Amino acid sequence: MSLAKNVGTIGGLTAVSRVFGFVRDMMMARVVGAGLVADAFQLAFTLPNTFRRLFAEGAFSVAFVPMYSRALHGEGGEDEANRFANDVLSVFVWVLLLFSAAAMVFMPAIVWLLASDFAEVPGKFDLAVFLSRVTFPYLGFISLMAMLAGVLNARSRFGPAAFAPVLLNVFLISAILLGSHLRGESHDDTVVGIALAAAVALSGVAQFLYLWWETRKAGVRLKVSAPRLTPEVKRLGKLILPATFGAGIYQVSQFVDTFFATSLEQGSLTLLKYADRLNQMPLGIVGIALGTAILPMLSRHIHTDDQAEAQRLQANAFEIGTLLTLPAAAALAICAPAFCTAFFVGGKFTPADGAIMANIVVALVCGLPAYVIVKILNPGFFAREDTRTPVWTALVSLVFNIFLNVAVVRQWGIVGLASATAASATLNCLLLYAILHRRGWFHFTWKLAGKVLRQVLATAAMGALLWWLTPQFAAQYSGPWYDRAWSLALIVLAGMVSFFAVAFAVGAIDKSVLAQLRLRRQPRTKADDEILEVE
């Protein structure tokens, strides 16, 4: 399979999900603004979502996919892979049920740990607890979905898992419309918050059923039986525990950021989440796509002791990541005021909210290249079943993040918090690369350095143009929708054309680079032939 094809599939479908998520947040900002109900829902949405990214899509996936892939392509083939998956599923279901039940019982304590200052606003703490209990079943269903996604990813079927989050955003957009209708002329946004929380839980059921159907289409028959702690299941458990931190520094930081954001003035948590949506657009499309695509491919190269292909694969991923991320980060930083005003300001979302949000975006995108590169470097450890080393880099970065928050949040508020998050992600990136380089698992070549330098030159040229052009249309960003549309379209088009024109001129991208993204075809196994027939 091709890295370019897999990244394109995952990135394209993830882009669809991000666009729906962006529309969701635009609507939410106008309907509920950045007040009590918005903060309460953001906390309720953050809890299951962060646990999902940390355990299910993070620690579980990076441990499960290499083990399942090795079983699938080993001597046992389909039978061994199915046996392993069924054993994991039978244990995983009970773990999720117990964890979810305990979390719902102790939800007041969990909310208090993360947002004790909510109690200072009448009704805010109780609403946050209620909404969190409504949303939390989402974690169980979405975690099971993550396992099914791992089964499909190991078979190079990346599309279904990348499409599934679209269902979440469709449910939430529908809930905003329904809640707004039920609210009527009243100013009570509580009904909108309840509709949103219910939609989160229902979307988890929908995504799970969709992935279950896709696995059956792929010829995989999974079933739940009496739980058995087989040696392979125990090994998976030992890999998951350290990978919880190694794969999830960004998610752990989310809890840290939530704790500090809830201690600031009302609306800070909501503004941080809206700003992160802009930051997540390139992160989700590029970083997650690359990390998901290269893990099973890297595992195969390492399993066959093909170190040259493993190095080339990661270098290609690194080059793609920076090629797309550097201009995205620069454009977001320069155009943040324009984007925040044009997309979000309106209804209950004030111009003052938009100005604060723009500053948060600028701070967050300073760490965007690091966020993406971490997604590329982590598989270098996970494919070798080394989930312990990233624990130490994650812990060091997390402690650094907490230290910075304590130092800057009081003086710089929510913008200081966002800056600390970006700095800690950069530190994590540097530590991961240093260890990979020292062990001889991946090294930054002069050829790769030259490409990245050319990308920086193209990004600088684009940035200079946007810096001059963006203020020219300041009046249009807060005008009628058509003025907002054409003015933003113009600066986006100008930025893209200028970047790619300079990139081609200086050699940052050319046909030979695209040709190198094709992996040499590996000898096909019987399992591979069956996969191709299904596709």
Protein backbone atom coordinates (compact mmCIF):
# COMPACT_ATOMS: atom_id res chain seq x y z
CA MET A 1 0.00 0.00 0.00
CA SER A 2 1.08 3.61 -0.51
CA LEU A 3 1.79 6.07 2.28
CA ALA A 4 0.43 8.85 0.08
CA LYS A 5 -2.78 6.91 -0.62
CA ASN A 6 -3.36 6.03 3.03
CA VAL A 7 -2.61 9.55 4.25
CA GLY A 8 -4.88 10.94 1.55
CA THR A 9 -7.73 8.63 2.59
CA ILE A 10 -7.41 9.34 6.30
CA GLY A 11 -6.65 13.02 5.84
CA GLY A 12 -9.46 13.59 3.37
CA LEU A 13 -12.11 11.96 5.54
CA THR A 14 -10.71 13.57 8.68
CA ALA A 15 -10.93 16.92 6.87
CA VAL A 16 -14.64 16.27 6.29
CA SER A 17 -15.06 15.58 10.00
CA ARG A 18 -13.10 18.71 10.95
CA VAL A 19 -15.23 20.85 8.65
CA PHE A 20 -18.40 19.48 10.26
CA GLY A 21 -16.83 20.11 13.67
CA PHE A 22 -15.97 23.64 12.66
CA VAL A 23 -19.57 24.27 11.57
CA ARG A 24 -20.73 22.79 14.86
CA ASP A 25 -18.60 25.20 16.89
CA MET A 26 -19.63 28.19 14.76
CA MET A 27 -23.28 27.38 15.43
CA MET A 28 -22.66 26.72 19.11
CA ALA A 29 -20.83 30.02 19.55
CA ARG A 30 -23.74 31.96 18.12
CA VAL A 31 -26.44 30.02 20.00
CA VAL A 32 -24.93 29.74 23.52
CA GLY A 33 -21.91 32.09 23.34
CA ALA A 34 -19.14 31.69 25.91
CA GLY A 35 -21.07 31.62 29.18
CA LEU A 36 -22.29 29.27 31.92
CA VAL A 37 -23.95 26.59 29.79
CA ALA A 38 -21.16 26.64 27.21
CA ASP A 39 -18.50 26.09 29.89
CA ALA A 40 -20.52 23.30 31.54
CA PHE A 41 -20.98 21.47 28.24
CA GLN A 42 -17.35 21.92 27.21
CA LEU A 43 -16.27 20.24 30.45
CA ALA A 44 -18.82 17.44 29.97
CA PHE A 45 -17.60 16.93 26.40
CA THR A 46 -13.93 17.11 27.39
CA LEU A 47 -14.12 14.27 29.94
CA PRO A 48 -15.12 11.31 27.70
CA ASN A 49 -13.31 12.78 24.69
CA THR A 50 -9.99 13.11 26.49
CA PHE A 51 -10.25 9.62 27.96
CA ARG A 52 -11.08 8.37 24.45
CA ARG A 53 -8.00 9.98 22.91
CA LEU A 54 -5.80 8.99 25.81
CA PHE A 55 -6.80 5.34 26.28
CA ALA A 56 -8.78 4.17 23.26
CA GLU A 57 -7.25 5.96 20.28
CA GLY A 58 -3.96 6.57 22.06
CA ALA A 59 -2.63 3.87 24.36
CA PHE A 60 -4.90 1.04 23.22
CA SER A 61 -4.47 1.59 19.49
CA VAL A 62 -0.68 1.91 19.51
CA ALA A 63 -0.40 -1.29 21.54
CA PHE A 64 -3.16 -3.30 19.82
CA VAL A 65 -2.44 -2.56 16.15
CA PRO A 66 1.17 -3.90 16.04
CA MET A 67 0.18 -7.06 17.96
CA TYR A 68 -2.90 -7.68 15.82
CA SER A 69 -0.95 -6.92 12.63
CA ARG A 70 1.80 -9.37 13.61
CA ALA A 71 -0.78 -12.09 14.28
CA LEU A 72 -2.59 -11.37 11.01
CA HIS A 73 0.58 -11.54 8.90
CA GLY A 74 2.17 -14.36 10.89
CA GLU A 75 1.88 -18.13 10.55
CA GLY A 76 -1.53 -18.25 12.26
CA GLY A 77 -3.04 -15.74 9.83
CA GLU A 78 -6.73 -14.93 10.11
CA ASP A 79 -7.47 -17.56 12.75
CA GLU A 80 -4.79 -16.32 15.14
CA ALA A 81 -5.71 -12.67 14.58
CA ASN A 82 -9.42 -13.32 15.20
CA ARG A 83 -8.67 -15.33 18.32
CA PHE A 84 -6.53 -12.52 19.71
CA ALA A 85 -9.14 -9.86 18.84
CA ASN A 86 -11.95 -11.86 20.45
CA ASP A 87 -9.93 -12.39 23.63
CA VAL A 88 -9.17 -8.67 23.85
CA LEU A 89 -12.80 -7.71 23.15
CA SER A 90 -14.11 -10.06 25.83
CA VAL A 91 -11.87 -8.46 28.47
CA PHE A 92 -12.13 -4.91 27.14
CA VAL A 93 -15.95 -4.81 27.35
CA TRP A 94 -15.96 -5.51 31.09
CA VAL A 95 -13.16 -3.04 31.81
CA LEU A 96 -15.09 -0.31 30.00
CA LEU A 97 -18.35 -1.10 31.79
CA LEU A 98 -16.74 -0.99 35.23
CA PHE A 99 -14.75 2.16 34.48
CA SER A 100 -17.76 4.00 33.03
CA ALA A 101 -20.03 2.99 35.90
CA ALA A 102 -17.48 4.09 38.50
CA ALA A 103 -16.91 7.40 36.73
CA MET A 104 -20.62 8.18 36.61
CA VAL A 105 -21.04 7.38 40.32
CA PHE A 106 -18.08 9.57 41.30
CA MET A 107 -18.75 12.29 38.71
CA PRO A 108 -19.23 15.07 41.30
CA ALA A 109 -15.74 14.36 42.64
CA ILE A 110 -14.24 14.25 39.14
CA VAL A 111 -15.82 17.56 38.17
CA TRP A 112 -14.71 19.10 41.45
CA LEU A 113 -11.10 18.02 40.83
CA LEU A 114 -11.10 19.62 37.38
CA ALA A 115 -13.41 22.59 37.93
CA SER A 116 -13.96 23.34 41.61
CA ASP A 117 -14.31 27.04 40.79
CA PHE A 118 -17.56 26.24 38.92
CA ALA A 119 -19.19 26.04 42.37
CA GLU A 120 -18.74 29.80 42.74
CA VAL A 121 -21.32 30.41 39.98
CA PRO A 122 -24.87 29.37 41.02
CA GLY A 123 -26.02 26.27 39.15
CA LYS A 124 -22.86 25.87 37.07
CA PHE A 125 -21.27 23.00 39.03
CA ASP A 126 -24.51 20.96 39.21
CA LEU A 127 -25.16 21.44 35.51
CA ALA A 128 -21.61 20.33 34.67
CA VAL A 129 -22.04 17.15 36.75
CA PHE A 130 -25.40 16.34 35.13
CA LEU A 131 -24.16 16.92 31.57
CA SER A 132 -21.01 14.90 32.26
CA ARG A 133 -23.07 11.92 33.41
CA VAL A 134 -25.16 12.14 30.25
CA THR A 135 -22.13 12.27 27.94
CA PHE A 136 -19.90 9.70 29.65
CA PRO A 137 -21.45 6.51 28.13
CA TYR A 138 -19.95 7.83 24.88
CA LEU A 139 -16.55 6.69 26.15
CA GLY A 140 -17.52 3.02 26.28
CA PHE A 141 -18.98 2.86 22.80
CA ILE A 142 -16.24 4.93 21.22
CA SER A 143 -13.53 2.83 22.89
CA LEU A 144 -15.02 -0.34 21.40
CA MET A 145 -15.11 1.51 18.09
CA ALA A 146 -11.39 2.24 18.48
CA MET A 147 -10.69 -1.49 18.72
CA LEU A 148 -12.71 -2.16 15.58
CA ALA A 149 -10.82 0.68 13.89
CA GLY A 150 -7.55 -1.02 14.85
CA VAL A 151 -8.70 -4.25 13.22
CA LEU A 152 -9.54 -2.38 10.02
CA ASN A 153 -6.37 -0.25 10.06
CA ALA A 154 -4.20 -3.36 10.36
CA ARG A 155 -5.83 -4.49 7.12
CA SER A 156 -5.07 -1.10 5.48
CA ARG A 157 -8.77 -0.17 5.53
CA PHE A 158 -8.47 3.35 6.96
CA GLY A 159 -11.59 4.96 5.51
CA PRO A 160 -14.36 3.81 7.92
CA ALA A 161 -12.57 4.87 11.10
CA ALA A 162 -11.67 8.25 9.58
CA PHE A 163 -15.30 8.81 8.53
CA ALA A 164 -16.95 7.77 11.81
CA PRO A 165 -16.37 11.12 13.65
CA VAL A 166 -18.53 12.81 11.00
CA LEU A 167 -21.47 11.08 12.68
CA LEU A 168 -20.61 12.77 16.00
CA ASN A 169 -20.69 16.21 14.42
CA VAL A 170 -23.91 15.49 12.52
CA PHE A 171 -25.57 14.51 15.82
CA LEU A 172 -24.26 17.64 17.56
CA ILE A 173 -25.32 20.00 14.77
CA SER A 174 -28.79 18.45 14.89
CA ALA A 175 -28.85 18.91 18.68
CA ILE A 176 -27.96 22.60 18.37
CA LEU A 177 -30.82 23.14 15.93
CA LEU A 178 -33.25 21.15 18.10
CA GLY A 179 -32.15 22.82 21.34
CA SER A 180 -32.37 26.27 19.80
CA HIS A 181 -35.90 25.49 18.60
CA LEU A 182 -37.02 24.15 22.00
CA ARG A 183 -35.50 27.16 23.77
CA GLY A 184 -37.68 29.50 21.76
CA GLU A 185 -37.61 33.12 22.84
CA SER A 186 -36.30 32.40 26.34
CA HIS A 187 -32.72 33.17 27.30
CA ASP A 188 -32.22 29.86 29.11
CA ASP A 189 -29.56 27.86 27.23
CA THR A 190 -29.86 24.84 29.53
CA VAL A 191 -32.11 22.97 27.10
CA VAL A 192 -29.46 23.39 24.38
CA GLY A 193 -26.78 21.98 26.72
CA ILE A 194 -28.92 18.94 27.56
CA ALA A 195 -29.64 18.30 23.86
CA LEU A 196 -25.92 18.48 23.09
CA ALA A 197 -24.99 16.08 25.91
CA ALA A 198 -27.60 13.53 24.79
CA ALA A 199 -26.36 13.81 21.22
CA VAL A 200 -22.81 12.97 22.31
CA ALA A 201 -23.95 9.70 23.93
CA LEU A 202 -26.17 8.72 21.00
CA SER A 203 -23.39 9.42 18.51
CA GLY A 204 -21.18 6.92 20.34
CA VAL A 205 -23.77 4.20 19.72
CA ALA A 206 -24.05 5.18 16.06
CA GLN A 207 -20.27 5.17 15.48
CA PHE A 208 -19.86 1.78 17.15
CA LEU A 209 -22.62 0.19 15.06
CA TYR A 210 -21.14 1.66 11.88
CA LEU A 211 -17.64 0.24 12.58
CA TRP A 212 -19.12 -3.13 13.61
CA TRP A 213 -20.88 -3.29 10.24
CA GLU A 214 -17.64 -2.36 8.43
CA THR A 215 -15.64 -5.09 10.19
CA ARG A 216 -18.24 -7.65 9.15
CA LYS A 217 -17.99 -6.38 5.57
CA ALA A 218 -14.23 -6.97 5.83
CA GLY A 219 -14.91 -10.60 6.72
CA VAL A 220 -14.06 -10.28 10.43
CA ARG A 221 -16.44 -11.98 12.87
CA LEU A 222 -15.91 -10.79 16.43
CA LYS A 223 -17.84 -12.07 19.42
CA VAL A 224 -17.90 -11.50 23.17
CA SER A 225 -17.28 -14.56 25.32
CA ALA A 226 -16.20 -15.22 28.89
CA PRO A 227 -13.14 -13.04 29.63
CA ARG A 228 -9.79 -14.88 29.53
CA LEU A 229 -6.47 -13.33 30.52
CA THR A 230 -4.37 -15.08 27.89
CA PRO A 231 -0.62 -14.36 27.68
CA GLU A 232 -1.22 -12.09 24.68
CA VAL A 233 -3.97 -10.16 26.49
CA LYS A 234 -1.67 -9.72 29.50
CA ARG A 235 1.10 -8.50 27.21
CA LEU A 236 -1.30 -6.01 25.66
CA GLY A 237 -2.22 -4.76 29.13
CA LYS A 238 1.45 -4.26 30.03
CA LEU A 239 1.96 -2.25 26.84
CA ILE A 240 -1.15 -0.12 27.38
CA LEU A 241 -0.19 1.18 30.82
CA PRO A 242 3.00 3.03 29.81
CA ALA A 243 1.55 3.95 26.42
CA THR A 244 -1.19 5.86 28.24
CA PHE A 245 1.33 8.62 28.80
CA GLY A 246 3.58 8.02 25.81
CA ALA A 247 0.79 8.34 23.24
CA GLY A 248 -1.29 10.84 25.13
CA ILE A 249 0.81 13.80 26.27
CA TYR A 250 -1.48 16.13 24.37
CA GLN A 251 -4.54 14.57 26.02
CA VAL A 252 -2.99 14.62 29.50
CA SER A 253 -2.22 18.27 28.90
CA GLN A 254 -5.88 18.77 28.07
CA PHE A 255 -6.82 17.85 31.63
CA VAL A 256 -4.13 20.17 32.97
CA ASP A 257 -5.33 22.97 30.70
CA THR A 258 -8.95 22.34 31.71
CA PHE A 259 -8.04 22.58 35.40
CA PHE A 260 -6.32 25.94 34.95
CA ALA A 261 -8.88 27.29 32.43
CA THR A 262 -11.80 26.67 34.79
CA SER A 263 -10.06 28.76 37.45
CA LEU A 264 -10.13 31.81 35.16
CA GLU A 265 -13.06 34.08 34.35
CA GLN A 266 -16.24 32.54 32.97
CA GLY A 267 -16.02 31.63 29.30
CA SER A 268 -12.27 30.96 29.32
CA LEU A 269 -12.70 27.20 28.90
CA THR A 270 -15.12 27.68 26.01
CA LEU A 271 -12.86 30.17 24.23
CA LEU A 272 -9.92 27.78 24.61
CA LYS A 273 -11.94 24.95 23.05
CA TYR A 274 -13.14 27.09 20.15
CA ALA A 275 -9.58 28.27 19.49
CA ASP A 276 -8.33 24.70 19.63
CA ARG A 277 -10.83 23.80 16.91
CA LEU A 278 -8.89 26.03 14.50
CA ASN A 279 -5.65 24.49 15.73
CA GLN A 280 -7.07 20.98 15.36
CA MET A 281 -7.92 21.41 11.69
CA PRO A 282 -4.37 20.87 10.36
CA LEU A 283 -3.40 18.73 13.38
CA GLY A 284 -6.22 16.29 12.74
CA ILE A 285 -5.93 16.25 8.98
CA VAL A 286 -2.12 15.94 8.80
CA GLY A 287 -0.82 14.65 12.13
CA ILE A 288 -3.41 12.00 12.93
CA ALA A 289 -3.51 10.86 9.30
CA LEU A 290 0.26 10.39 9.14
CA GLY A 291 0.53 8.74 12.55
CA THR A 292 -2.33 6.33 11.82
CA ALA A 293 -1.05 5.45 8.35
CA ILE A 294 2.60 4.78 9.20
CA LEU A 295 2.13 2.68 12.37
CA PRO A 296 1.05 -0.61 10.71
CA MET A 297 3.41 -0.01 7.76
CA LEU A 298 6.34 0.76 10.06
CA SER A 299 5.53 -2.35 12.12
CA ARG A 300 5.82 -4.52 9.02
CA HIS A 301 9.21 -3.05 8.03
CA ILE A 302 10.60 -3.50 11.55
CA HIS A 303 9.18 -7.03 11.80
CA THR A 304 11.10 -7.94 8.60
CA ASP A 305 14.19 -6.06 9.85
CA ASP A 306 14.10 -3.64 6.91
CA GLN A 307 15.62 -0.64 8.70
CA ALA A 308 16.27 1.30 5.48
CA GLU A 309 12.57 1.26 4.57
CA ALA A 310 11.61 2.18 8.13
CA GLN A 311 13.94 5.21 7.99
CA ARG A 312 12.63 6.24 4.57
CA LEU A 313 9.01 5.88 5.65
CA GLN A 314 9.47 8.15 8.68
CA ALA A 315 11.51 10.66 6.69
CA ASN A 316 8.76 10.84 4.05
CA ALA A 317 6.15 11.29 6.76
CA PHE A 318 8.24 14.02 8.39
CA GLU A 319 8.60 15.87 5.08
CA ILE A 320 4.87 15.65 4.32
CA GLY A 321 4.03 16.76 7.84
CA THR A 322 6.18 19.90 7.77
CA LEU A 323 5.23 20.70 4.17
CA LEU A 324 1.58 20.97 5.17
CA THR A 325 1.92 22.14 8.77
CA LEU A 326 4.42 25.02 8.55
CA PRO A 327 2.28 27.13 6.16
CA ALA A 328 -0.89 26.18 8.06
CA ALA A 329 0.59 27.38 11.35
CA ALA A 330 1.86 30.64 9.85
CA ALA A 331 -1.43 31.36 8.11
CA LEU A 332 -3.49 30.64 11.23
CA ALA A 333 -1.28 32.90 13.36
CA ILE A 334 -1.41 35.83 10.95
CA CYS A 335 -5.07 35.49 9.99
CA ALA A 336 -6.42 34.54 13.45
CA PRO A 337 -8.27 37.86 14.04
CA ALA A 338 -9.87 37.63 10.60
CA PHE A 339 -10.91 33.98 11.02
CA CYS A 340 -12.27 34.40 14.55
CA THR A 341 -14.27 37.50 13.64
CA ALA A 342 -15.66 36.17 10.37
CA PHE A 343 -16.51 32.67 11.54
CA PHE A 344 -17.50 33.05 15.18
CA VAL A 345 -18.58 36.59 16.09
CA GLY A 346 -22.36 36.95 16.00
CA GLY A 347 -25.40 36.13 18.11
CA LYS A 348 -24.26 35.57 21.71
CA PHE A 349 -20.57 35.55 20.72
CA THR A 350 -19.29 39.12 21.11
CA PRO A 351 -16.41 40.93 19.34
CA ALA A 352 -14.56 40.95 22.68
CA ASP A 353 -14.85 37.14 22.79
CA GLY A 354 -13.49 37.01 19.23
CA ALA A 355 -10.47 39.15 20.10
CA ILE A 356 -9.51 36.93 23.06
CA MET A 357 -10.03 33.81 20.96
CA ALA A 358 -7.70 35.16 18.25
CA ASN A 359 -4.89 35.63 20.78
CA ILE A 360 -5.42 32.07 22.03
CA VAL A 361 -5.18 30.75 18.46
CA VAL A 362 -1.86 32.55 17.90
CA ALA A 363 -0.44 30.99 21.07
CA LEU A 364 -1.68 27.49 20.25
CA VAL A 365 -0.41 27.35 16.66
CA CYS A 366 3.13 28.11 17.83
CA GLY A 367 3.17 24.47 18.88
CA LEU A 368 1.33 23.09 15.85
CA PRO A 369 4.43 21.74 14.03
CA ALA A 370 5.48 19.98 17.24
CA TYR A 371 2.01 18.45 17.71
CA VAL A 372 2.18 16.94 14.22
CA ILE A 373 5.79 15.75 14.44
CA VAL A 374 5.06 13.98 17.74
CA LYS A 375 2.40 11.97 15.85
CA ILE A 376 5.11 10.96 13.37
CA LEU A 377 7.84 10.17 15.92
CA ASN A 378 5.76 8.15 18.39
CA PRO A 379 5.13 5.25 15.96
CA GLY A 380 8.93 4.78 15.82
CA PHE A 381 8.70 3.55 19.41
CA PHE A 382 5.29 1.87 19.30
CA ALA A 383 6.09 -0.18 16.18
CA ARG A 384 9.00 -1.69 18.17
CA GLU A 385 6.63 -2.31 21.10
CA ASP A 386 8.60 0.23 23.13
CA THR A 387 5.89 2.10 25.00
CA ARG A 388 8.06 2.85 28.02
CA THR A 389 10.44 5.43 26.57
CA PRO A 390 7.69 7.90 25.58
CA VAL A 391 6.47 7.73 29.18
CA TRP A 392 9.53 9.61 30.36
CA THR A 393 9.38 12.25 27.65
CA ALA A 394 5.66 12.66 28.33
CA LEU A 395 6.18 13.03 32.06
CA VAL A 396 8.98 15.56 31.63
CA SER A 397 6.85 17.60 29.21
CA LEU A 398 3.81 17.37 31.47
CA VAL A 399 5.73 18.60 34.51
CA PHE A 400 7.16 21.40 32.36
CA ASN A 401 3.62 22.32 31.25
CA ILE A 402 2.35 22.47 34.82
CA PHE A 403 5.33 24.58 35.90
CA LEU A 404 4.72 27.05 33.07
CA ASN A 405 1.00 27.25 33.85
CA VAL A 406 1.69 28.07 37.47
CA ALA A 407 4.18 30.74 36.35
CA VAL A 408 2.18 32.48 33.60
CA VAL A 409 -1.56 31.87 34.03
CA ARG A 410 -2.07 34.48 36.75
CA GLN A 411 -0.39 37.19 34.69
CA TRP A 412 -1.31 36.21 31.13
CA GLY A 413 -4.58 34.34 31.70
CA ILE A 414 -5.93 31.96 29.09
CA VAL A 415 -3.41 33.13 26.45
CA GLY A 416 -0.54 32.23 28.79
CA LEU A 417 -2.09 28.81 29.31
CA ALA A 418 -2.22 28.20 25.55
CA SER A 419 1.42 29.28 25.22
CA ALA A 420 2.48 26.83 27.93
CA THR A 421 0.72 24.00 26.09
CA ALA A 422 2.57 24.82 22.86
CA ALA A 423 5.94 25.02 24.67
CA SER A 424 5.47 21.64 26.39
CA ALA A 425 4.53 19.96 23.10
CA THR A 426 7.70 21.34 21.52
CA LEU A 427 9.80 19.97 24.38
CA ASN A 428 8.18 16.55 23.99
CA CYS A 429 8.96 16.58 20.27
CA LEU A 430 12.64 17.41 20.83
CA LEU A 431 13.05 14.70 23.47
CA LEU A 432 11.44 12.02 21.29
CA TYR A 433 13.66 12.82 18.33
CA ALA A 434 16.83 12.94 20.44
CA ILE A 435 16.15 9.42 21.75
CA LEU A 436 15.26 8.01 18.33
CA HIS A 437 18.44 9.51 16.89
CA ARG A 438 20.63 8.20 19.71
CA ARG A 439 19.30 4.66 19.28
CA GLY A 440 19.78 4.77 15.52
CA TRP A 441 16.09 4.29 14.80
CA PHE A 442 15.59 7.55 12.92
CA HIS A 443 17.91 10.40 11.97
CA PHE A 444 17.44 13.81 10.40
CA THR A 445 19.43 13.73 7.14
CA TRP A 446 20.96 16.69 5.32
CA LYS A 447 18.58 16.01 2.45
CA LEU A 448 15.56 16.23 4.75
CA ALA A 449 16.99 19.35 6.42
CA GLY A 450 17.36 21.00 3.01
CA LYS A 451 13.73 20.25 2.15
CA VAL A 452 12.47 21.65 5.46
CA LEU A 453 14.58 24.78 5.01
CA ARG A 454 13.03 25.34 1.58
CA GLN A 455 9.59 24.87 3.13
CA VAL A 456 10.45 27.55 5.71
CA LEU A 457 11.44 29.95 2.90
CA ALA A 458 8.15 29.34 1.10
CA THR A 459 6.26 29.80 4.37
CA ALA A 460 8.05 33.11 5.04
CA ALA A 461 7.13 34.43 1.59
CA MET A 462 3.49 33.46 2.12
CA GLY A 463 3.51 34.99 5.60
CA ALA A 464 4.80 38.33 4.32
CA LEU A 465 2.01 38.50 1.75
CA LEU A 466 -0.69 37.61 4.31
CA TRP A 467 0.71 40.08 6.84
CA TRP A 468 0.18 42.86 4.29
CA LEU A 469 -3.04 41.59 2.72
CA THR A 470 -5.15 40.52 5.72
CA PRO A 471 -5.66 44.00 7.30
CA GLN A 472 -6.81 45.40 3.95
CA PHE A 473 -10.22 43.72 4.39
CA ALA A 474 -10.78 44.34 8.11
CA ALA A 475 -14.23 45.88 7.53
CA GLN A 476 -15.43 42.84 5.56
CA TYR A 477 -14.72 40.29 8.31
CA SER A 478 -17.57 41.62 10.45
CA GLY A 479 -19.90 42.47 7.57
CA PRO A 480 -22.66 40.44 5.85
CA TRP A 481 -21.96 36.76 5.19
CA TYR A 482 -21.06 37.33 1.54
CA ASP A 483 -18.46 39.95 2.48
CA ARG A 484 -16.96 37.57 5.01
CA ALA A 485 -16.95 34.74 2.46
CA TRP A 486 -15.24 36.53 -0.44
CA SER A 487 -12.68 38.33 1.73
CA LEU A 488 -11.59 35.13 3.50
CA ALA A 489 -11.60 33.18 0.25
CA LEU A 490 -9.32 35.81 -1.27
CA ILE A 491 -6.71 35.74 1.49
CA VAL A 492 -6.78 31.92 1.68
CA LEU A 493 -6.35 31.61 -2.08
CA ALA A 494 -3.56 34.21 -2.08
CA GLY A 495 -1.78 32.36 0.70
CA MET A 496 -2.03 28.97 -1.01
CA VAL A 497 -0.93 30.25 -4.41
CA SER A 498 2.03 32.18 -2.99
CA PHE A 499 3.21 29.26 -0.85
CA PHE A 500 3.06 26.59 -3.54
CA ALA A 501 4.51 28.90 -6.19
CA VAL A 502 7.54 29.66 -4.03
CA ALA A 503 7.73 26.05 -2.82
CA PHE A 504 8.02 24.77 -6.40
CA ALA A 505 10.45 27.55 -7.30
CA VAL A 506 12.88 26.82 -4.45
CA GLY A 507 12.52 23.03 -4.69
CA ALA A 508 10.51 22.46 -1.49
CA ILE A 509 8.16 20.22 -3.43
CA ASP A 510 8.45 18.53 -6.81
CA LYS A 511 7.45 15.41 -8.69
CA SER A 512 10.38 13.39 -7.41
CA VAL A 513 9.20 13.95 -3.81
CA LEU A 514 5.74 12.74 -4.68
CA ALA A 515 7.21 9.69 -6.43
CA GLN A 516 9.23 8.82 -3.33
CA LEU A 517 6.03 8.60 -1.28
CA ARG A 518 5.28 5.29 -2.98
CA LEU A 519 6.49 2.34 -0.94
CA ARG A 520 8.14 -0.53 -2.71
CA ARG A 521 5.55 -3.24 -3.11
CA GLN A 522 5.93 -6.01 -0.53
CA PRO A 523 5.30 -9.67 -1.33
CA ARG A 524 1.61 -10.24 -0.84
CA THR A 525 0.31 -12.79 1.61
CA LYS A 526 -2.93 -14.69 1.30
CA ALA A 527 -4.43 -12.30 3.83
CA ASP A 528 -3.42 -9.36 1.65
CA ASP A 529 -5.11 -10.92 -1.37
CA GLU A 530 -8.30 -11.41 0.61
CA ILE A 531 -8.22 -7.77 1.74
CA LEU A 532 -7.80 -6.58 -1.84
CA GLU A 533 -10.74 -8.73 -2.92
CA VAL A 534 -12.93 -7.20 -0.23
CA GLU A 535 -11.86 -3.68 -1.24
